[in-house]
PDB file of N, CA and C in Angstrom:
ATOM      1  N   UNK A   1     -16.655   5.459  56.066  1.00  0.00           N
ATOM      2  CA  UNK A   1     -16.141   4.113  56.131  1.00  0.00           C
ATOM      3  C   UNK A   1     -14.711   4.088  56.257  1.00  0.00           C
ATOM      4  N   UNK A   2     -14.187   3.063  57.010  1.00  0.00           N
ATOM      5  CA  UNK A   2     -12.815   2.775  57.198  1.00  0.00           C
ATOM      6  C   UNK A   2     -12.341   1.586  56.701  1.00  0.00           C
ATOM      7  N   UNK A   3     -11.126   1.484  55.980  1.00  0.00           N
ATOM      8  CA  UNK A   3     -10.588   0.306  55.425  1.00  0.00           C
ATOM      9  C   UNK A   3      -9.324   0.107  55.930  1.00  0.00           C
ATOM     10  N   UNK A   4      -8.937  -1.074  56.374  1.00  0.00           N
ATOM     11  CA  UNK A   4      -7.604  -1.437  56.890  1.00  0.00           C
ATOM     12  C   UNK A   4      -7.069  -2.719  56.184  1.00  0.00           C
ATOM     13  N   UNK A   5      -5.871  -2.578  55.613  1.00  0.00           N
ATOM     14  CA  UNK A   5      -5.227  -3.662  54.907  1.00  0.00           C
ATOM     15  C   UNK A   5      -4.064  -4.084  55.737  1.00  0.00           C
ATOM     16  N   UNK A   6      -3.926  -5.424  55.996  1.00  0.00           N
ATOM     17  CA  UNK A   6      -2.800  -5.914  56.778  1.00  0.00           C
ATOM     18  C   UNK A   6      -2.000  -6.905  55.741  1.00  0.00           C
ATOM     19  N   UNK A   7      -0.694  -6.778  55.836  1.00  0.00           N
ATOM     20  CA  UNK A   7       0.115  -7.788  54.984  1.00  0.00           C
ATOM     21  C   UNK A   7       1.071  -8.413  55.897  1.00  0.00           C
ATOM     22  N   UNK A   8       1.157  -9.669  56.078  1.00  0.00           N
ATOM     23  CA  UNK A   8       2.106 -10.291  56.942  1.00  0.00           C
ATOM     24  C   UNK A   8       2.001  -9.897  58.318  1.00  0.00           C
ATOM     25  N   UNK A   9       0.807  -9.755  58.855  1.00  0.00           N
ATOM     26  CA  UNK A   9       0.576  -9.249  60.273  1.00  0.00           C
ATOM     27  C   UNK A   9       0.555 -10.369  61.149  1.00  0.00           C
ATOM     28  N   UNK A  10       1.023 -10.142  62.435  1.00  0.00           N
ATOM     29  CA  UNK A  10       0.874 -11.239  63.485  1.00  0.00           C
ATOM     30  C   UNK A  10      -0.572 -11.621  63.595  1.00  0.00           C
ATOM     31  N   UNK A  11      -0.914 -12.939  63.914  1.00  0.00           N
ATOM     32  CA  UNK A  11      -2.103 -13.362  63.998  1.00  0.00           C
ATOM     33  C   UNK A  11      -3.081 -12.730  64.974  1.00  0.00           C
ATOM     34  N   UNK A  12      -2.641 -12.199  66.085  1.00  0.00           N
ATOM     35  CA  UNK A  12      -3.448 -11.572  67.114  1.00  0.00           C
ATOM     36  C   UNK A  12      -4.039 -10.347  66.599  1.00  0.00           C
ATOM     37  N   UNK A  13      -3.387  -9.617  65.587  1.00  0.00           N
ATOM     38  CA  UNK A  13      -3.975  -8.329  65.158  1.00  0.00           C
ATOM     39  C   UNK A  13      -5.150  -8.499  64.286  1.00  0.00           C
ATOM     40  N   UNK A  14      -5.163  -9.565  63.617  1.00  0.00           N
ATOM     41  CA  UNK A  14      -6.384  -9.775  62.672  1.00  0.00           C
ATOM     42  C   UNK A  14      -7.519 -10.237  63.575  1.00  0.00           C
ATOM     43  N   UNK A  15      -7.303 -10.953  64.558  1.00  0.00           N
ATOM     44  CA  UNK A  15      -8.420 -11.395  65.576  1.00  0.00           C
ATOM     45  C   UNK A  15      -9.030 -10.059  66.383  1.00  0.00           C
ATOM     46  N   UNK A  16      -7.988  -9.199  66.557  1.00  0.00           N
ATOM     47  CA  UNK A  16      -8.478  -7.970  67.415  1.00  0.00           C
ATOM     48  C   UNK A  16      -9.311  -7.019  66.509  1.00  0.00           C
ATOM     49  N   UNK A  17      -8.922  -7.003  65.188  1.00  0.00           N
ATOM     50  CA  UNK A  17      -9.753  -6.002  64.256  1.00  0.00           C
ATOM     51  C   UNK A  17     -11.023  -6.567  64.007  1.00  0.00           C
ATOM     52  N   UNK A  18     -11.311  -7.961  64.065  1.00  0.00           N
ATOM     53  CA  UNK A  18     -12.524  -8.551  63.762  1.00  0.00           C
ATOM     54  C   UNK A  18     -13.673  -8.245  64.825  1.00  0.00           C
ATOM     55  N   UNK A  19     -13.194  -7.612  65.987  1.00  0.00           N
ATOM     56  CA  UNK A  19     -14.137  -7.145  66.906  1.00  0.00           C
ATOM     57  C   UNK A  19     -14.796  -5.923  66.458  1.00  0.00           C
ATOM     58  N   UNK A  20     -14.153  -5.103  65.566  1.00  0.00           N
ATOM     59  CA  UNK A  20     -14.736  -3.880  65.232  1.00  0.00           C
ATOM     60  C   UNK A  20     -15.062  -3.705  63.798  1.00  0.00           C
ATOM     61  N   UNK A  21     -14.397  -4.619  62.967  1.00  0.00           N
ATOM     62  CA  UNK A  21     -14.542  -4.505  61.508  1.00  0.00           C
ATOM     63  C   UNK A  21     -14.923  -5.947  60.972  1.00  0.00           C
ATOM     64  N   UNK A  22     -15.285  -5.892  59.644  1.00  0.00           N
ATOM     65  CA  UNK A  22     -15.604  -7.184  58.935  1.00  0.00           C
ATOM     66  C   UNK A  22     -14.284  -7.478  58.026  1.00  0.00           C
ATOM     67  N   UNK A  23     -13.959  -8.658  58.043  1.00  0.00           N
ATOM     68  CA  UNK A  23     -12.744  -9.039  57.112  1.00  0.00           C
ATOM     69  C   UNK A  23     -13.363  -9.586  55.738  1.00  0.00           C
ATOM     70  N   UNK A  24     -13.471  -8.622  54.834  1.00  0.00           N
ATOM     71  CA  UNK A  24     -14.134  -9.029  53.534  1.00  0.00           C
ATOM     72  C   UNK A  24     -13.252  -9.804  52.646  1.00  0.00           C
ATOM     73  N   UNK A  25     -11.863  -9.873  52.826  1.00  0.00           N
ATOM     74  CA  UNK A  25     -10.994 -10.716  52.025  1.00  0.00           C
ATOM     75  C   UNK A  25      -9.756 -10.834  52.986  1.00  0.00           C
ATOM     76  N   UNK A  26      -8.851 -11.737  52.566  1.00  0.00           N
ATOM     77  CA  UNK A  26      -7.789 -11.965  53.375  1.00  0.00           C
ATOM     78  C   UNK A  26      -6.981 -10.736  53.703  1.00  0.00           C
ATOM     79  N   UNK A  27      -7.003 -10.239  54.989  1.00  0.00           N
ATOM     80  CA  UNK A  27      -6.193  -9.030  55.382  1.00  0.00           C
ATOM     81  C   UNK A  27      -6.878  -7.725  55.140  1.00  0.00           C
ATOM     82  N   UNK A  28      -8.089  -7.671  54.552  1.00  0.00           N
ATOM     83  CA  UNK A  28      -8.873  -6.514  54.237  1.00  0.00           C
ATOM     84  C   UNK A  28     -10.100  -6.252  55.068  1.00  0.00           C
ATOM     85  N   UNK A  29     -10.042  -5.230  55.928  1.00  0.00           N
ATOM     86  CA  UNK A  29     -11.078  -5.003  57.004  1.00  0.00           C
ATOM     87  C   UNK A  29     -11.831  -3.823  56.541  1.00  0.00           C
ATOM     88  N   UNK A  30     -13.100  -3.864  56.733  1.00  0.00           N
ATOM     89  CA  UNK A  30     -13.939  -2.691  56.447  1.00  0.00           C
ATOM     90  C   UNK A  30     -14.990  -2.524  57.571  1.00  0.00           C
ATOM     91  N   UNK A  31     -15.152  -1.216  57.997  1.00  0.00           N
ATOM     92  CA  UNK A  31     -15.955  -1.016  59.029  1.00  0.00           C
ATOM     93  C   UNK A  31     -16.315   0.497  59.204  1.00  0.00           C
ATOM     94  N   UNK A  32     -16.989   0.819  60.272  1.00  0.00           N
ATOM     95  CA  UNK A  32     -17.333   2.352  60.511  1.00  0.00           C
ATOM     96  C   UNK A  32     -17.219   2.621  61.974  1.00  0.00           C
ATOM     97  N   UNK A  33     -15.936   2.319  62.441  1.00  0.00           N
ATOM     98  CA  UNK A  33     -15.732   2.734  63.905  1.00  0.00           C
ATOM     99  C   UNK A  33     -15.590   4.157  64.176  1.00  0.00           C
ATOM    100  N   UNK A  34     -15.830   4.596  65.389  1.00  0.00           N
ATOM    101  CA  UNK A  34     -15.751   6.002  65.783  1.00  0.00           C
ATOM    102  C   UNK A  34     -14.223   6.394  65.593  1.00  0.00           C
ATOM    103  N   UNK A  35     -14.050   7.701  65.559  1.00  0.00           N
ATOM    104  CA  UNK A  35     -12.687   8.140  65.504  1.00  0.00           C
ATOM    105  C   UNK A  35     -11.817   7.772  66.636  1.00  0.00           C
ATOM    106  N   UNK A  36     -12.441   7.692  67.802  1.00  0.00           N
ATOM    107  CA  UNK A  36     -11.633   7.295  68.992  1.00  0.00           C
ATOM    108  C   UNK A  36     -11.228   5.805  68.907  1.00  0.00           C
ATOM    109  N   UNK A  37     -12.248   5.055  68.494  1.00  0.00           N
ATOM    110  CA  UNK A  37     -11.937   3.504  68.296  1.00  0.00           C
ATOM    111  C   UNK A  37     -10.794   3.440  67.106  1.00  0.00           C
ATOM    112  N   UNK A  38     -11.089   4.178  66.077  1.00  0.00           N
ATOM    113  CA  UNK A  38     -10.068   3.995  64.924  1.00  0.00           C
ATOM    114  C   UNK A  38      -8.615   4.498  65.336  1.00  0.00           C
ATOM    115  N   UNK A  39      -8.481   5.512  66.157  1.00  0.00           N
ATOM    116  CA  UNK A  39      -7.219   5.932  66.583  1.00  0.00           C
ATOM    117  C   UNK A  39      -6.605   4.956  67.606  1.00  0.00           C
ATOM    118  N   UNK A  40      -7.464   4.372  68.318  1.00  0.00           N
ATOM    119  CA  UNK A  40      -6.920   3.185  69.329  1.00  0.00           C
ATOM    120  C   UNK A  40      -6.460   2.104  68.575  1.00  0.00           C
ATOM    121  N   UNK A  41      -7.242   1.690  67.509  1.00  0.00           N
ATOM    122  CA  UNK A  41      -6.978   0.532  66.707  1.00  0.00           C
ATOM    123  C   UNK A  41      -5.497   0.807  65.994  1.00  0.00           C
ATOM    124  N   UNK A  42      -5.470   2.010  65.443  1.00  0.00           N
ATOM    125  CA  UNK A  42      -4.245   2.454  64.804  1.00  0.00           C
ATOM    126  C   UNK A  42      -3.021   2.288  65.671  1.00  0.00           C
ATOM    127  N   UNK A  43      -3.130   2.778  66.790  1.00  0.00           N
ATOM    128  CA  UNK A  43      -1.979   2.726  67.762  1.00  0.00           C
ATOM    129  C   UNK A  43      -1.617   1.335  68.008  1.00  0.00           C
ATOM    130  N   UNK A  44      -2.484   0.504  68.073  1.00  0.00           N
ATOM    131  CA  UNK A  44      -2.325  -0.834  68.381  1.00  0.00           C
ATOM    132  C   UNK A  44      -1.636  -1.503  67.290  1.00  0.00           C
ATOM    133  N   UNK A  45      -2.169  -1.283  65.995  1.00  0.00           N
ATOM    134  CA  UNK A  45      -1.514  -1.779  64.736  1.00  0.00           C
ATOM    135  C   UNK A  45      -0.151  -1.360  64.606  1.00  0.00           C
ATOM    136  N   UNK A  46       0.075  -0.039  64.589  1.00  0.00           N
ATOM    137  CA  UNK A  46       1.401   0.650  64.481  1.00  0.00           C
ATOM    138  C   UNK A  46       2.489  -0.041  65.460  1.00  0.00           C
ATOM    139  N   UNK A  47       2.105  -0.189  66.547  1.00  0.00           N
ATOM    140  CA  UNK A  47       3.059  -0.674  67.483  1.00  0.00           C
ATOM    141  C   UNK A  47       3.311  -2.228  67.410  1.00  0.00           C
ATOM    142  N   UNK A  48       2.334  -2.949  66.883  1.00  0.00           N
ATOM    143  CA  UNK A  48       2.529  -4.405  66.866  1.00  0.00           C
ATOM    144  C   UNK A  48       2.740  -5.029  65.400  1.00  0.00           C
ATOM    145  N   UNK A  49       2.794  -4.209  64.469  1.00  0.00           N
ATOM    146  CA  UNK A  49       2.867  -4.735  63.135  1.00  0.00           C
ATOM    147  C   UNK A  49       4.143  -5.449  62.752  1.00  0.00           C
ATOM    148  N   UNK A  50       5.242  -5.218  63.447  1.00  0.00           N
ATOM    149  CA  UNK A  50       6.457  -5.909  63.384  1.00  0.00           C
ATOM    150  C   UNK A  50       6.986  -5.840  61.933  1.00  0.00           C
ATOM    151  N   UNK A  51       7.210  -6.880  61.296  1.00  0.00           N
ATOM    152  CA  UNK A  51       7.778  -7.000  59.943  1.00  0.00           C
ATOM    153  C   UNK A  51       6.610  -6.920  58.781  1.00  0.00           C
ATOM    154  N   UNK A  52       5.427  -6.768  59.206  1.00  0.00           N
ATOM    155  CA  UNK A  52       4.421  -6.713  58.335  1.00  0.00           C
ATOM    156  C   UNK A  52       4.026  -5.326  57.834  1.00  0.00           C
ATOM    157  N   UNK A  53       2.983  -5.094  57.293  1.00  0.00           N
ATOM    158  CA  UNK A  53       2.723  -3.720  56.700  1.00  0.00           C
ATOM    159  C   UNK A  53       1.150  -3.541  56.989  1.00  0.00           C
ATOM    160  N   UNK A  54       0.867  -2.339  57.403  1.00  0.00           N
ATOM    161  CA  UNK A  54      -0.561  -1.948  57.628  1.00  0.00           C
ATOM    162  C   UNK A  54      -0.883  -0.531  56.789  1.00  0.00           C
ATOM    163  N   UNK A  55      -2.071  -0.577  56.375  1.00  0.00           N
ATOM    164  CA  UNK A  55      -2.545   0.628  55.631  1.00  0.00           C
ATOM    165  C   UNK A  55      -4.010   0.806  56.088  1.00  0.00           C
ATOM    166  N   UNK A  56      -4.175   2.086  56.599  1.00  0.00           N
ATOM    167  CA  UNK A  56      -5.524   2.508  57.052  1.00  0.00           C
ATOM    168  C   UNK A  56      -6.093   3.662  56.151  1.00  0.00           C
ATOM    169  N   UNK A  57      -7.401   3.429  55.506  1.00  0.00           N
ATOM    170  CA  UNK A  57      -8.031   4.672  54.794  1.00  0.00           C
ATOM    171  C   UNK A  57      -9.111   5.080  55.574  1.00  0.00           C
ATOM    172  N   UNK A  58      -9.235   6.329  55.951  1.00  0.00           N
ATOM    173  CA  UNK A  58     -10.363   6.807  56.728  1.00  0.00           C
ATOM    174  C   UNK A  58     -10.818   8.114  56.136  1.00  0.00           C
ATOM    175  N   UNK A  59     -12.046   8.424  56.708  1.00  0.00           N
ATOM    176  CA  UNK A  59     -12.722   9.762  56.175  1.00  0.00           C
ATOM    177  C   UNK A  59     -11.916  10.898  56.658  1.00  0.00           C
ATOM    178  N   UNK A  60     -11.787  11.993  55.940  1.00  0.00           N
ATOM    179  CA  UNK A  60     -11.058  13.191  56.307  1.00  0.00           C
ATOM    180  C   UNK A  60     -11.688  14.379  55.701  1.00  0.00           C
ATOM    181  N   UNK A  61     -11.540  15.491  56.345  1.00  0.00           N
ATOM    182  CA  UNK A  61     -12.093  16.748  55.838  1.00  0.00           C
ATOM    183  C   UNK A  61     -11.107  17.394  54.866  1.00  0.00           C
ATOM    184  N   UNK A  62     -10.836  16.870  53.788  1.00  0.00           N
ATOM    185  CA  UNK A  62      -9.972  17.379  52.748  1.00  0.00           C
ATOM    186  C   UNK A  62     -10.546  17.444  51.382  1.00  0.00           C
ATOM    187  N   UNK A  63      -9.849  17.626  50.420  1.00  0.00           N
ATOM    188  CA  UNK A  63     -10.411  17.720  48.955  1.00  0.00           C
ATOM    189  C   UNK A  63     -10.787  16.315  48.553  1.00  0.00           C
ATOM    190  N   UNK A  64     -10.074  15.223  48.855  1.00  0.00           N
ATOM    191  CA  UNK A  64     -10.288  13.887  48.556  1.00  0.00           C
ATOM    192  C   UNK A  64     -11.462  13.354  49.338  1.00  0.00           C
ATOM    193  N   UNK A  65     -11.579  13.758  50.589  1.00  0.00           N
ATOM    194  CA  UNK A  65     -12.525  13.163  51.463  1.00  0.00           C
ATOM    195  C   UNK A  65     -12.007  12.004  52.287  1.00  0.00           C
ATOM    196  N   UNK A  66     -10.766  11.672  52.122  1.00  0.00           N
ATOM    197  CA  UNK A  66     -10.213  10.518  52.956  1.00  0.00           C
ATOM    198  C   UNK A  66      -8.661  10.794  53.161  1.00  0.00           C
ATOM    199  N   UNK A  67      -8.124  10.131  54.074  1.00  0.00           N
ATOM    200  CA  UNK A  67      -6.621  10.122  54.346  1.00  0.00           C
ATOM    201  C   UNK A  67      -5.958   8.827  54.589  1.00  0.00           C
ATOM    202  N   UNK A  68      -4.874   8.674  54.461  1.00  0.00           N
ATOM    203  CA  UNK A  68      -4.210   7.328  54.595  1.00  0.00           C
ATOM    204  C   UNK A  68      -3.137   7.318  55.686  1.00  0.00           C
ATOM    205  N   UNK A  69      -3.102   6.186  56.357  1.00  0.00           N
ATOM    206  CA  UNK A  69      -2.034   6.125  57.435  1.00  0.00           C
ATOM    207  C   UNK A  69      -1.247   4.779  56.963  1.00  0.00           C
ATOM    208  N   UNK A  70      -0.008   4.709  57.126  1.00  0.00           N
ATOM    209  CA  UNK A  70       0.774   3.543  56.893  1.00  0.00           C
ATOM    210  C   UNK A  70       1.699   3.178  58.030  1.00  0.00           C
ATOM    211  N   UNK A  71       2.033   1.974  58.137  1.00  0.00           N
ATOM    212  CA  UNK A  71       2.935   1.486  59.172  1.00  0.00           C
ATOM    213  C   UNK A  71       3.644   0.122  58.646  1.00  0.00           C
ATOM    214  N   UNK A  72       4.832  -0.118  59.196  1.00  0.00           N
ATOM    215  CA  UNK A  72       5.530  -1.302  58.880  1.00  0.00           C
ATOM    216  C   UNK A  72       6.678  -1.084  58.015  1.00  0.00           C
ATOM    217  N   UNK A  73       7.201  -2.210  57.545  1.00  0.00           N
ATOM    218  CA  UNK A  73       8.373  -2.113  56.662  1.00  0.00           C
ATOM    219  C   UNK A  73       7.986  -2.030  55.235  1.00  0.00           C
ATOM    220  N   UNK A  74       8.938  -1.491  54.493  1.00  0.00           N
ATOM    221  CA  UNK A  74       8.739  -1.404  52.918  1.00  0.00           C
ATOM    222  C   UNK A  74       7.450  -0.833  52.574  1.00  0.00           C
ATOM    223  N   UNK A  75       7.138   0.267  53.125  1.00  0.00           N
ATOM    224  CA  UNK A  75       5.735   0.660  52.997  1.00  0.00           C
ATOM    225  C   UNK A  75       5.603   1.895  51.996  1.00  0.00           C
ATOM    226  N   UNK A  76       4.462   2.107  51.456  1.00  0.00           N
ATOM    227  CA  UNK A  76       4.182   3.307  50.691  1.00  0.00           C
ATOM    228  C   UNK A  76       3.956   4.350  51.697  1.00  0.00           C
ATOM    229  N   UNK A  77       4.333   5.610  51.311  1.00  0.00           N
ATOM    230  CA  UNK A  77       4.305   6.813  52.162  1.00  0.00           C
ATOM    231  C   UNK A  77       3.287   7.694  51.482  1.00  0.00           C
ATOM    232  N   UNK A  78       2.235   8.220  52.246  1.00  0.00           N
ATOM    233  CA  UNK A  78       1.258   9.295  51.712  1.00  0.00           C
ATOM    234  C   UNK A  78       2.037  10.458  51.678  1.00  0.00           C
ATOM    235  N   UNK A  79       1.821  11.126  50.473  1.00  0.00           N
ATOM    236  CA  UNK A  79       2.565  12.354  50.230  1.00  0.00           C
ATOM    237  C   UNK A  79       1.702  13.358  49.652  1.00  0.00           C
ATOM    238  N   UNK A  80       1.573  14.522  50.285  1.00  0.00           N
ATOM    239  CA  UNK A  80       0.776  15.613  49.817  1.00  0.00           C
ATOM    240  C   UNK A  80       1.354  16.323  48.660  1.00  0.00           C
ATOM    241  N   UNK A  81       0.704  16.221  47.550  1.00  0.00           N
ATOM    242  CA  UNK A  81       1.134  16.733  46.277  1.00  0.00           C
ATOM    243  C   UNK A  81       0.056  17.852  45.887  1.00  0.00           C
ATOM    244  N   UNK A  82       0.305  19.099  46.304  1.00  0.00           N
ATOM    245  CA  UNK A  82      -0.460  20.332  45.905  1.00  0.00           C
ATOM    246  C   UNK A  82      -1.906  20.095  46.368  1.00  0.00           C
ATOM    247  N   UNK A  83      -2.119  19.475  47.478  1.00  0.00           N
ATOM    248  CA  UNK A  83      -3.468  19.223  48.079  1.00  0.00           C
ATOM    249  C   UNK A  83      -4.003  17.877  47.809  1.00  0.00           C
ATOM    250  N   UNK A  84      -3.344  17.117  46.914  1.00  0.00           N
ATOM    251  CA  UNK A  84      -3.845  15.713  46.764  1.00  0.00           C
ATOM    252  C   UNK A  84      -2.893  14.787  47.332  1.00  0.00           C
ATOM    253  N   UNK A  85      -3.466  13.730  48.127  1.00  0.00           N
ATOM    254  CA  UNK A  85      -2.607  12.701  48.640  1.00  0.00           C
ATOM    255  C   UNK A  85      -2.300  11.671  47.666  1.00  0.00           C
ATOM    256  N   UNK A  86      -1.016  11.437  47.505  1.00  0.00           N
ATOM    257  CA  UNK A  86      -0.565  10.412  46.519  1.00  0.00           C
ATOM    258  C   UNK A  86       0.337   9.505  47.273  1.00  0.00           C
ATOM    259  N   UNK A  87       0.653   8.328  46.799  1.00  0.00           N
ATOM    260  CA  UNK A  87       1.520   7.317  47.476  1.00  0.00           C
ATOM    261  C   UNK A  87       2.807   7.303  46.847  1.00  0.00           C
ATOM    262  N   UNK A  88       3.871   7.380  47.627  1.00  0.00           N
ATOM    263  CA  UNK A  88       5.234   7.483  47.254  1.00  0.00           C
ATOM    264  C   UNK A  88       5.977   6.305  47.884  1.00  0.00           C
ATOM    265  N   UNK A  89       6.903   5.769  47.090  1.00  0.00           N
ATOM    266  CA  UNK A  89       7.660   4.693  47.719  1.00  0.00           C
ATOM    267  C   UNK A  89       9.203   5.010  47.523  1.00  0.00           C
ATOM    268  N   UNK A  90       9.877   4.812  48.571  1.00  0.00           N
ATOM    269  CA  UNK A  90      11.385   4.992  48.529  1.00  0.00           C
ATOM    270  C   UNK A  90      12.031   4.250  47.521  1.00  0.00           C
ATOM    271  N   UNK A  91      13.047   4.741  46.757  1.00  0.00           N
ATOM    272  CA  UNK A  91      13.810   3.948  45.868  1.00  0.00           C
ATOM    273  C   UNK A  91      14.735   2.976  46.537  1.00  0.00           C
ATOM    274  N   UNK A  92      15.065   1.915  46.150  1.00  0.00           N
ATOM    275  CA  UNK A  92      15.968   1.061  46.703  1.00  0.00           C
ATOM    276  C   UNK A  92      17.460   1.142  46.158  1.00  0.00           C
TER     277      UNK A  92
END
């Protein structure tokens, strides 16, 4: 399963995601796209997110079984801590 969360995203991105995923709440998309489609969706999101934020959680072959990608401003950054993926945020 793949989950994408968009915050303050341009309108066109939300509409594009609904072609492949279901919006279960405002800005929260869930689906099971193939890796190829997921990578193409992420490339689109990362280049068009502008001042918004995007987070993608996807299946991965690691200890936790999932991985995170982030894009946009003021974002949390996935950090590998001794094999576990944790979220870190830069201090202001």
